[in-house]
Amino acid sequence: MMSHGVTTSIRLEPELRGQLDHVCHALHRGKNWVIAKALEEYLSRFNRNSLAEEARRQSLLAAKADKKTETDIWEDNSDTTGWT
């Protein structure tokens, strides 16, 4: 079963278009295939970087939490609005 894609147009600078033509010729592939593969790779890297950044953020938060006492954590995260 063949999946159906959505047509999208993009504007390329002449130099980038020339590079695309060169790669397509060298790989014996169409522009659509090369662009789709390049976009897949870019998005995959973007997602990996986003996950790595989130893991680093959480690691830093955990390291800070390790240095705090239970009382410090409770005071930082409790809503004491209206307490006298």
N, C-alpha and C. Protein backbone atom coordinates (compact mmCIF):
# COMPACT_ATOMS: atom_id res chain seq x y z
N MET A 1 0.84 -1.18 0.00
CA MET A 1 0.00 0.00 0.00
C MET A 1 0.88 1.24 0.00
N MET A 2 0.67 2.13 -0.91
CA MET A 2 1.46 3.35 -1.03
C MET A 2 0.82 4.47 -0.21
N SER A 3 1.64 5.14 0.61
CA SER A 3 1.09 6.25 1.39
C SER A 3 1.04 7.49 0.51
N HIS A 4 0.07 8.32 0.80
CA HIS A 4 -0.09 9.55 0.03
C HIS A 4 0.43 10.71 0.84
N GLY A 5 1.31 11.49 0.25
CA GLY A 5 1.88 12.64 0.94
C GLY A 5 1.12 13.89 0.59
N VAL A 6 1.57 14.97 1.15
CA VAL A 6 0.99 16.28 0.91
C VAL A 6 2.02 17.10 0.14
N THR A 7 1.59 17.79 -0.86
CA THR A 7 2.48 18.61 -1.67
C THR A 7 2.76 19.92 -0.95
N THR A 8 4.04 20.29 -0.89
CA THR A 8 4.48 21.53 -0.27
C THR A 8 5.50 22.17 -1.19
N SER A 9 5.41 23.48 -1.32
CA SER A 9 6.40 24.16 -2.15
C SER A 9 7.34 24.94 -1.24
N ILE A 10 8.59 25.06 -1.68
CA ILE A 10 9.59 25.81 -0.93
C ILE A 10 10.36 26.69 -1.90
N ARG A 11 10.94 27.74 -1.37
CA ARG A 11 11.76 28.63 -2.18
C ARG A 11 13.20 28.42 -1.78
N LEU A 12 14.08 28.16 -2.74
CA LEU A 12 15.49 27.91 -2.48
C LEU A 12 16.34 28.99 -3.13
N GLU A 13 17.42 29.33 -2.45
CA GLU A 13 18.41 30.21 -3.05
C GLU A 13 19.05 29.46 -4.22
N PRO A 14 19.49 30.17 -5.25
CA PRO A 14 20.07 29.50 -6.43
C PRO A 14 21.23 28.55 -6.07
N GLU A 15 22.09 28.95 -5.12
CA GLU A 15 23.23 28.10 -4.75
C GLU A 15 22.74 26.79 -4.12
N LEU A 16 21.75 26.88 -3.24
CA LEU A 16 21.20 25.69 -2.61
C LEU A 16 20.51 24.80 -3.63
N ARG A 17 19.82 25.42 -4.57
CA ARG A 17 19.16 24.65 -5.63
C ARG A 17 20.20 23.91 -6.47
N GLY A 18 21.32 24.56 -6.74
CA GLY A 18 22.40 23.91 -7.49
C GLY A 18 22.97 22.72 -6.73
N GLN A 19 23.15 22.88 -5.42
CA GLN A 19 23.65 21.78 -4.60
C GLN A 19 22.65 20.63 -4.58
N LEU A 20 21.37 20.95 -4.51
CA LEU A 20 20.34 19.92 -4.54
C LEU A 20 20.37 19.17 -5.87
N ASP A 21 20.48 19.90 -6.95
CA ASP A 21 20.55 19.25 -8.28
C ASP A 21 21.76 18.32 -8.37
N HIS A 22 22.89 18.78 -7.84
CA HIS A 22 24.11 17.97 -7.87
C HIS A 22 23.93 16.67 -7.09
N VAL A 23 23.37 16.77 -5.87
CA VAL A 23 23.16 15.58 -5.04
C VAL A 23 22.17 14.63 -5.70
N CYS A 24 21.10 15.17 -6.25
CA CYS A 24 20.11 14.33 -6.92
C CYS A 24 20.74 13.55 -8.07
N HIS A 25 21.55 14.23 -8.83
CA HIS A 25 22.23 13.58 -9.95
C HIS A 25 23.19 12.50 -9.45
N ALA A 26 23.96 12.82 -8.42
CA ALA A 26 24.94 11.87 -7.89
C ALA A 26 24.27 10.64 -7.29
N LEU A 27 23.11 10.81 -6.66
CA LEU A 27 22.41 9.70 -6.02
C LEU A 27 21.40 9.00 -6.94
N HIS A 28 21.19 9.59 -8.11
CA HIS A 28 20.17 9.07 -9.03
C HIS A 28 18.81 9.02 -8.35
N ARG A 29 18.49 10.10 -7.65
CA ARG A 29 17.22 10.23 -6.94
C ARG A 29 16.58 11.56 -7.30
N GLY A 30 15.28 11.63 -7.09
CA GLY A 30 14.55 12.86 -7.37
C GLY A 30 14.68 13.88 -6.24
N LYS A 31 14.35 15.12 -6.57
CA LYS A 31 14.43 16.19 -5.58
C LYS A 31 13.53 15.91 -4.37
N ASN A 32 12.35 15.39 -4.62
CA ASN A 32 11.43 15.09 -3.53
C ASN A 32 12.06 14.11 -2.54
N TRP A 33 12.69 13.07 -3.04
CA TRP A 33 13.29 12.06 -2.17
C TRP A 33 14.41 12.67 -1.33
N VAL A 34 15.29 13.45 -1.96
CA VAL A 34 16.43 14.05 -1.26
C VAL A 34 15.94 15.04 -0.20
N ILE A 35 14.99 15.88 -0.56
CA ILE A 35 14.48 16.87 0.38
C ILE A 35 13.78 16.18 1.55
N ALA A 36 12.96 15.17 1.28
CA ALA A 36 12.26 14.45 2.34
C ALA A 36 13.25 13.78 3.28
N LYS A 37 14.29 13.14 2.73
CA LYS A 37 15.30 12.49 3.58
C LYS A 37 16.06 13.51 4.42
N ALA A 38 16.40 14.64 3.82
CA ALA A 38 17.13 15.68 4.55
C ALA A 38 16.26 16.24 5.68
N LEU A 39 14.99 16.44 5.41
CA LEU A 39 14.07 16.96 6.42
C LEU A 39 13.87 15.94 7.55
N GLU A 40 13.74 14.67 7.20
CA GLU A 40 13.62 13.62 8.22
C GLU A 40 14.84 13.62 9.13
N GLU A 41 16.03 13.71 8.56
CA GLU A 41 17.27 13.71 9.34
C GLU A 41 17.34 14.94 10.23
N TYR A 42 16.99 16.10 9.70
CA TYR A 42 17.03 17.34 10.47
C TYR A 42 16.07 17.26 11.66
N LEU A 43 14.85 16.80 11.42
CA LEU A 43 13.85 16.71 12.48
C LEU A 43 14.25 15.67 13.53
N SER A 44 14.87 14.59 13.10
CA SER A 44 15.34 13.57 14.02
C SER A 44 16.42 14.15 14.94
N ARG A 45 17.35 14.90 14.38
CA ARG A 45 18.40 15.54 15.18
C ARG A 45 17.80 16.56 16.13
N PHE A 46 16.83 17.33 15.64
CA PHE A 46 16.17 18.34 16.46
C PHE A 46 15.50 17.67 17.66
N ASN A 47 14.80 16.58 17.43
CA ASN A 47 14.13 15.87 18.52
C ASN A 47 15.13 15.29 19.50
N ARG A 48 16.24 14.72 19.00
CA ARG A 48 17.27 14.19 19.90
C ARG A 48 17.87 15.31 20.74
N ASN A 49 18.12 16.47 20.13
CA ASN A 49 18.69 17.60 20.86
C ASN A 49 17.71 18.10 21.91
N SER A 50 16.42 18.15 21.56
CA SER A 50 15.41 18.60 22.52
C SER A 50 15.34 17.66 23.70
N LEU A 51 15.40 16.35 23.44
CA LEU A 51 15.37 15.38 24.53
C LEU A 51 16.62 15.50 25.40
N ALA A 52 17.76 15.71 24.77
CA ALA A 52 19.01 15.85 25.53
C ALA A 52 18.97 17.10 26.40
N GLU A 53 18.43 18.20 25.85
CA GLU A 53 18.34 19.43 26.64
C GLU A 53 17.41 19.24 27.83
N GLU A 54 16.28 18.56 27.63
CA GLU A 54 15.35 18.32 28.73
C GLU A 54 15.98 17.42 29.79
N ALA A 55 16.69 16.39 29.36
CA ALA A 55 17.36 15.51 30.31
C ALA A 55 18.39 16.29 31.12
N ARG A 56 19.13 17.17 30.47
CA ARG A 56 20.12 17.99 31.18
C ARG A 56 19.44 18.92 32.18
N ARG A 57 18.33 19.54 31.77
CA ARG A 57 17.59 20.43 32.66
C ARG A 57 17.12 19.68 33.90
N GLN A 58 16.55 18.50 33.69
CA GLN A 58 16.06 17.72 34.82
C GLN A 58 17.20 17.24 35.71
N SER A 59 18.33 16.92 35.11
CA SER A 59 19.49 16.50 35.89
C SER A 59 19.97 17.64 36.78
N LEU A 60 20.00 18.84 36.23
CA LEU A 60 20.42 20.00 37.02
C LEU A 60 19.45 20.26 38.16
N LEU A 61 18.15 20.13 37.88
CA LEU A 61 17.15 20.31 38.94
C LEU A 61 17.31 19.25 40.03
N ALA A 62 17.55 18.02 39.63
CA ALA A 62 17.73 16.94 40.60
C ALA A 62 18.99 17.19 41.45
N ALA A 63 20.04 17.68 40.82
CA ALA A 63 21.28 17.95 41.55
C ALA A 63 21.05 19.05 42.58
N LYS A 64 20.28 20.07 42.21
CA LYS A 64 19.96 21.13 43.16
C LYS A 64 19.12 20.58 44.30
N ALA A 65 18.16 19.73 43.96
CA ALA A 65 17.28 19.15 44.99
C ALA A 65 18.08 18.30 45.97
N ASP A 66 19.09 17.61 45.48
CA ASP A 66 19.92 16.77 46.36
C ASP A 66 20.65 17.61 47.42
N LYS A 67 20.93 18.85 47.10
CA LYS A 67 21.66 19.71 48.02
C LYS A 67 20.76 20.37 49.05
N LYS A 68 19.44 20.33 48.80
CA LYS A 68 18.50 20.96 49.71
C LYS A 68 18.03 19.97 50.77
N THR A 69 17.65 20.52 51.88
CA THR A 69 17.04 19.68 52.91
C THR A 69 15.57 19.49 52.58
N GLU A 70 14.95 18.55 53.25
CA GLU A 70 13.52 18.31 53.03
C GLU A 70 12.71 19.56 53.35
N THR A 71 13.12 20.29 54.39
CA THR A 71 12.43 21.52 54.79
C THR A 71 12.55 22.57 53.70
N ASP A 72 13.75 22.71 53.12
CA ASP A 72 13.95 23.68 52.03
C ASP A 72 13.03 23.37 50.86
N ILE A 73 12.95 22.11 50.49
CA ILE A 73 12.12 21.70 49.35
C ILE A 73 10.65 21.98 49.65
N TRP A 74 10.22 21.65 50.88
CA TRP A 74 8.83 21.89 51.26
C TRP A 74 8.52 23.38 51.20
N GLU A 75 9.41 24.21 51.73
CA GLU A 75 9.18 25.66 51.74
C GLU A 75 9.16 26.23 50.32
N ASP A 76 9.99 25.73 49.44
CA ASP A 76 10.05 26.21 48.07
C ASP A 76 8.80 25.84 47.26
N ASN A 77 8.18 24.72 47.59
CA ASN A 77 7.10 24.21 46.77
C ASN A 77 5.72 24.30 47.43
N SER A 78 5.63 24.92 48.59
CA SER A 78 4.36 25.00 49.30
C SER A 78 3.73 26.36 49.10
N ASP A 79 2.40 26.37 49.02
CA ASP A 79 1.66 27.63 48.93
C ASP A 79 1.23 28.01 50.34
N THR A 80 1.89 29.01 50.87
CA THR A 80 1.59 29.46 52.23
C THR A 80 0.82 30.77 52.23
N THR A 81 0.19 31.06 51.11
CA THR A 81 -0.58 32.30 50.98
C THR A 81 -1.65 32.35 52.07
N GLY A 82 -1.72 33.44 52.81
CA GLY A 82 -2.73 33.61 53.83
C GLY A 82 -2.32 33.11 55.20
N TRP A 83 -1.16 32.50 55.32
CA TRP A 83 -0.70 32.03 56.61
C TRP A 83 -0.23 33.25 57.42
N THR A 84 -0.44 33.21 58.71
CA THR A 84 0.02 34.33 59.55
C THR A 84 1.17 33.91 60.40
